[in-house]
Structure formats: structure tokens, C-alpha cells
Amino acid sequence: MTTDSEVSLNALQKENEQLQERVNWLESILHQVPAMVYAYNNNTKAVTWCNDRMANTLGYSPKEMQGLGMEFFKDIMHPEDFKLASVAQQSFRDKKEQFGGLARIRKKGETDYRWLLGLEVPFSYDAKNEVEEILCAFLDLTNAMDTNIQLSEALNTILRRQHENLFNKLTSRERDILGMAVKGLNNKEIATSLNLSRYTVETHRKNIRLKLKVRNTSELVAIARKIGIE
């Protein structure tokens, strides 16, 4: 005769089996998602979990990633993009809700880099309500070969909007000077046209470069033309 306790135990065991099946199913989905997904500890600076696609794509086992800590990202990321890892960490300390961008990544033992589009969001918090773990997903843009035209147009649109946002930070006078610089006028010609001193024009152009985050006139003109200034 089956007792009430045995019935309860069997019910719990069945429920546990169903939950485990559900967990296995959800995990299998994460491993098959067409993107690299991983969790990262913002304090220890180490990967705590990743899906199979990430491990296979980068050539590192989850255990290797965790053991390397920040060195893992240093190994796989392009030197010019490595600083983004620290920028992302700091952005979450500053309570930013998400961090996204592009970075160049290479597989273990390889020299060629591939472009990834990534997005990171806070996943868990500690007792002080500080971000503890971050959930990240990276999409390999080199695999988006079936929509090259759309991909190119999307990136151009994003860059144009970003440049427009920077352009909106310029003062009215700075915009006038930028427009003349794009037309090929030098500082002396701009100063004469606007009835300003040459020194004032040089100062404005320096401020424009700082606001638009460019290093020289060539880059300045290139960005201006991308947002429609001719």
C-alpha cells in the first residue's frame, strides 16, 4: 500500500524531473542561439558562463575563459578595441542600463580578426545594489553575408546619426566655420568672411575637432560630408 508520504515524494521527484527537463531545454536553446552569449562578473573580471557557440568560435573552453580573467579579453580583442572592456565595466558602475558597440575579435591561435556587434546588460546585483554579473551577446557580422547591402546601409545610417548627434553639440558659429572649412576655405579666408580674427577661427576649429572627436582637417571634412555638409 502506498503511503501519503510516498505519494508526495513521487510527486516531488516527478516535478523535479520536469524542471530539469525544462532547464536542459532552455540551456540547449542558449547553446544553439546564432550568437555568442556569456555571463561576466564585473568584480572578478572573468567569464562565469558561456554558450557552446562562443567556446567553439573563439577556441577557448569555459574553464579557460574563467581562469584567464581579463587576460582572456586581452588575448582575443584587437589592441585598439581592448579598452572597450574597461569602458563597459565602468559604464555599469555609473548605472548605465546597457552598453553596446563593435569590436574586433580573433580565434585562439589565429591572426585574422572578425567584426562583432555586441550588447551587454546587467544580469545580477550584489547586496549594495552594484552590478555583479553582466549578460552579453555578440553577433558575428562576417556571418551576415546574406544581407550585405542592408548591413552596409544599416551601419551607414547608425554612423550618420551618431555624427549628427555630435554635430548638434556645435554652436551656431562653429557650424558656420565648419561649413566653410568643408568648402576648402583656410583660417584666414574664414576669418575675413566672418569678420573674426584668425586666432578666434583657429580656436573654434580646435573646439570643433574636440567635439566631433577627430584629429585633423581631413577627418573633419569626411564626417561633415557624411552628415550632408558640402
Protein backbone atom coordinates (compact mmCIF):
# COMPACT_ATOMS: atom_id res chain seq x y z
CA MET A 1 0.00 0.00 0.00
CA THR A 2 1.35 3.40 -0.97
CA THR A 3 1.51 5.90 1.86
CA ASP A 4 0.78 9.61 1.62
CA SER A 5 4.47 10.40 2.15
CA GLU A 6 5.45 8.12 -0.73
CA VAL A 7 2.88 9.81 -2.99
CA SER A 8 4.26 13.24 -2.03
CA LEU A 9 7.83 12.06 -2.65
CA ASN A 10 6.92 10.65 -6.06
CA ALA A 11 5.15 13.90 -6.96
CA LEU A 12 8.22 15.92 -5.94
CA GLN A 13 10.52 13.65 -7.89
CA LYS A 14 8.32 13.97 -10.98
CA GLU A 15 8.18 17.74 -10.58
CA ASN A 16 11.96 17.84 -10.20
CA GLU A 17 12.41 15.77 -13.36
CA GLN A 18 10.11 18.11 -15.27
CA LEU A 19 12.03 21.14 -14.02
CA GLN A 20 15.33 19.53 -15.01
CA GLU A 21 13.98 18.78 -18.47
CA ARG A 22 12.90 22.40 -18.75
CA VAL A 23 16.35 23.63 -17.67
CA ASN A 24 18.06 21.31 -20.16
CA TRP A 25 15.76 22.52 -22.93
CA LEU A 26 16.41 26.18 -22.16
CA GLU A 27 20.16 25.58 -21.98
CA SER A 28 20.10 23.76 -25.32
CA ILE A 29 18.44 26.83 -26.84
CA LEU A 30 21.20 29.08 -25.49
CA HIS A 31 23.85 26.81 -26.97
CA GLN A 32 22.15 26.87 -30.39
CA VAL A 33 21.42 30.62 -30.48
CA PRO A 34 23.18 32.12 -33.56
CA ALA A 35 25.22 34.44 -31.34
CA MET A 36 27.94 34.22 -28.71
CA VAL A 37 26.30 34.51 -25.30
CA TYR A 38 28.11 34.71 -21.99
CA ALA A 39 27.88 35.98 -18.41
CA TYR A 40 30.67 38.12 -16.99
CA ASN A 41 31.47 39.01 -13.36
CA ASN A 42 32.05 42.74 -13.09
CA ASN A 43 34.08 42.31 -9.88
CA THR A 44 36.35 39.36 -10.68
CA LYS A 45 36.58 40.43 -14.34
CA ALA A 46 36.05 36.87 -15.54
CA VAL A 47 33.61 34.96 -17.73
CA THR A 48 31.36 32.83 -15.49
CA TRP A 49 29.37 31.03 -18.20
CA CYS A 50 29.20 30.91 -21.99
CA ASN A 51 27.29 29.01 -24.63
CA ASP A 52 28.87 26.39 -26.88
CA ARG A 53 28.88 28.71 -29.87
CA MET A 54 31.18 31.15 -28.09
CA ALA A 55 33.56 28.39 -26.93
CA ASN A 56 33.70 26.87 -30.42
CA THR A 57 34.05 30.22 -32.20
CA LEU A 58 36.88 31.51 -30.01
CA GLY A 59 38.65 28.22 -29.29
CA TYR A 60 38.63 28.54 -25.50
CA SER A 61 36.82 26.27 -23.04
CA PRO A 62 34.59 27.93 -20.40
CA LYS A 63 37.13 26.87 -17.76
CA GLU A 64 39.97 28.54 -19.68
CA MET A 65 37.98 31.75 -20.05
CA GLN A 66 37.21 31.87 -16.34
CA GLY A 67 40.81 31.15 -15.36
CA LEU A 68 42.27 33.83 -17.61
CA GLY A 69 40.05 36.61 -16.28
CA MET A 70 40.68 39.90 -18.08
CA GLU A 71 43.61 38.32 -19.95
CA PHE A 72 41.05 36.34 -21.96
CA PHE A 73 39.65 39.53 -23.46
CA LYS A 74 43.16 40.88 -23.97
CA ASP A 75 44.03 37.72 -25.93
CA ILE A 76 41.02 37.78 -28.25
CA MET A 77 40.38 41.50 -28.76
CA HIS A 78 42.17 43.82 -31.14
CA PRO A 79 44.59 46.05 -29.17
CA GLU A 80 42.71 49.18 -30.24
CA ASP A 81 39.41 47.71 -29.01
CA PHE A 82 40.57 46.13 -25.74
CA LYS A 83 39.95 49.34 -23.83
CA LEU A 84 36.22 48.87 -24.52
CA ALA A 85 36.14 46.10 -21.89
CA SER A 86 37.09 48.58 -19.17
CA VAL A 87 34.76 51.22 -20.58
CA ALA A 88 31.87 48.73 -20.41
CA GLN A 89 32.65 47.85 -16.79
CA GLN A 90 32.78 51.49 -15.78
CA SER A 91 29.55 52.29 -17.61
CA PHE A 92 27.69 49.83 -15.39
CA ARG A 93 29.31 51.22 -12.27
CA ASP A 94 27.86 54.52 -13.47
CA LYS A 95 24.39 52.87 -13.59
CA LYS A 96 24.16 52.67 -17.37
CA GLU A 97 21.39 50.27 -18.36
CA GLN A 98 23.22 48.78 -21.33
CA PHE A 99 26.43 49.03 -23.31
CA GLY A 100 26.76 48.22 -26.97
CA GLY A 101 29.22 48.55 -29.79
CA LEU A 102 31.53 46.98 -32.34
CA ALA A 103 34.80 45.20 -31.64
CA ARG A 104 37.34 43.08 -33.47
CA ILE A 105 37.82 39.54 -32.13
CA ARG A 106 40.06 36.68 -33.20
CA LYS A 107 40.00 32.95 -32.52
CA LYS A 108 42.70 31.35 -30.40
CA GLY A 109 45.82 30.74 -32.50
CA GLU A 110 44.60 32.85 -35.44
CA THR A 111 45.79 36.26 -36.62
CA ASP A 112 42.76 37.46 -38.58
CA TYR A 113 40.10 39.43 -36.74
CA ARG A 114 36.35 39.34 -37.29
CA TRP A 115 33.90 42.15 -36.51
CA LEU A 116 31.37 41.53 -33.75
CA LEU A 117 28.33 43.57 -32.79
CA GLY A 118 27.74 43.27 -29.06
CA LEU A 119 25.23 44.30 -26.43
CA GLU A 120 25.68 43.96 -22.67
CA VAL A 121 23.09 44.37 -19.89
CA PRO A 122 23.23 43.96 -16.09
CA PHE A 123 22.26 40.42 -15.04
CA SER A 124 22.61 40.34 -11.24
CA TYR A 125 23.36 42.72 -8.37
CA ASP A 126 25.19 42.38 -5.05
CA ALA A 127 23.98 43.39 -1.57
CA LYS A 128 24.98 47.01 -2.24
CA ASN A 129 22.90 47.04 -5.44
CA GLU A 130 26.03 47.23 -7.55
CA VAL A 131 26.16 45.31 -10.84
CA GLU A 132 27.74 41.93 -10.15
CA GLU A 133 27.18 39.93 -13.33
CA ILE A 134 26.63 41.14 -16.87
CA LEU A 135 24.89 39.24 -19.65
CA CYS A 136 26.49 39.70 -23.07
CA ALA A 137 25.56 38.70 -26.61
CA PHE A 138 27.81 39.14 -29.64
CA LEU A 139 26.80 38.65 -33.25
CA ASP A 140 29.49 37.90 -35.83
CA LEU A 141 28.91 40.43 -38.61
CA THR A 142 31.05 38.42 -41.03
CA ASN A 143 28.26 35.82 -41.00
CA ALA A 144 25.67 38.37 -42.11
CA MET A 145 26.67 37.74 -45.70
CA ASP A 146 23.13 37.13 -46.94
CA THR A 147 22.20 40.78 -46.38
CA ASN A 148 25.37 42.67 -47.25
CA ILE A 149 23.55 45.61 -48.82
CA GLN A 150 21.24 46.01 -45.82
CA LEU A 151 24.14 45.60 -43.39
CA SER A 152 26.15 48.30 -45.13
CA GLU A 153 23.15 50.64 -45.21
CA ALA A 154 22.38 49.99 -41.53
CA LEU A 155 25.94 50.77 -40.42
CA ASN A 156 26.00 53.92 -42.56
CA THR A 157 22.71 55.06 -41.02
CA ILE A 158 23.95 54.41 -37.49
CA LEU A 159 27.19 56.29 -38.13
CA ARG A 160 25.35 59.18 -39.76
CA ARG A 161 23.04 59.53 -36.75
CA GLN A 162 25.99 59.37 -34.39
CA HIS A 163 27.76 62.10 -36.34
CA GLU A 164 24.57 64.17 -36.39
CA ASN A 165 24.34 63.91 -32.61
CA LEU A 166 27.90 65.19 -32.33
CA PHE A 167 27.18 67.93 -34.87
CA ASN A 168 24.25 69.13 -32.76
CA LYS A 169 26.73 69.89 -29.96
CA LEU A 170 28.35 72.59 -32.09
CA THR A 171 27.45 76.23 -31.59
CA SER A 172 25.97 78.27 -34.44
CA ARG A 173 29.34 79.94 -35.05
CA GLU A 174 31.16 76.60 -35.05
CA ARG A 175 28.71 75.26 -37.64
CA ASP A 176 29.37 78.27 -39.87
CA ILE A 177 33.11 77.73 -39.65
CA LEU A 178 32.76 74.00 -40.28
CA GLY A 179 30.71 74.67 -43.40
CA MET A 180 33.38 76.99 -44.76
CA ALA A 181 36.17 74.55 -43.89
CA VAL A 182 34.37 71.83 -45.85
CA LYS A 183 34.26 74.17 -48.85
CA GLY A 184 38.04 74.43 -48.68
CA LEU A 185 38.47 77.87 -47.09
CA ASN A 186 41.53 78.30 -44.87
CA ASN A 187 41.54 80.05 -41.49
CA LYS A 188 42.49 83.43 -42.95
CA GLU A 189 39.70 83.31 -45.53
CA ILE A 190 37.15 82.19 -42.92
CA ALA A 191 38.26 84.97 -40.55
CA THR A 192 37.85 87.60 -43.29
CA SER A 193 34.43 86.28 -44.32
CA LEU A 194 33.09 86.26 -40.75
CA ASN A 195 34.91 89.39 -39.62
CA LEU A 196 36.82 87.45 -36.95
CA SER A 197 40.46 87.26 -36.00
CA ARG A 198 42.47 84.36 -37.35
CA TYR A 199 43.23 83.29 -33.76
CA THR A 200 39.49 83.11 -32.99
CA VAL A 201 38.88 80.92 -36.03
CA GLU A 202 41.76 78.62 -35.04
CA THR A 203 40.28 78.29 -31.55
CA HIS A 204 36.85 77.47 -32.97
CA ARG A 205 38.30 74.83 -35.27
CA LYS A 206 40.17 73.25 -32.37
CA ASN A 207 36.92 73.07 -30.38
CA ILE A 208 35.11 71.60 -33.38
CA ARG A 209 37.70 68.82 -33.69
CA LEU A 210 37.38 68.04 -29.99
CA LYS A 211 33.57 67.91 -30.12
CA LEU A 212 33.49 65.78 -33.27
CA LYS A 213 36.34 63.58 -31.95
CA VAL A 214 38.56 63.94 -34.99
CA ARG A 215 42.32 64.51 -35.20
CA ASN A 216 42.76 66.58 -38.33
CA THR A 217 41.02 68.53 -41.07
CA SER A 218 40.72 65.51 -43.38
CA GLU A 219 38.72 63.56 -40.78
CA LEU A 220 36.69 66.68 -40.01
CA VAL A 221 35.71 67.14 -43.65
CA ALA A 222 34.92 63.43 -44.04
CA ILE A 223 32.49 63.44 -41.09
CA ALA A 224 30.89 66.70 -42.23
CA ARG A 225 30.18 65.25 -45.66
CA LYS A 226 28.73 62.09 -44.16
CA ILE A 227 26.05 64.15 -42.44
CA GLY A 228 25.32 66.16 -45.58
CA ILE A 229 27.52 69.26 -45.19
CA GLU A 230 29.06 70.12 -48.56
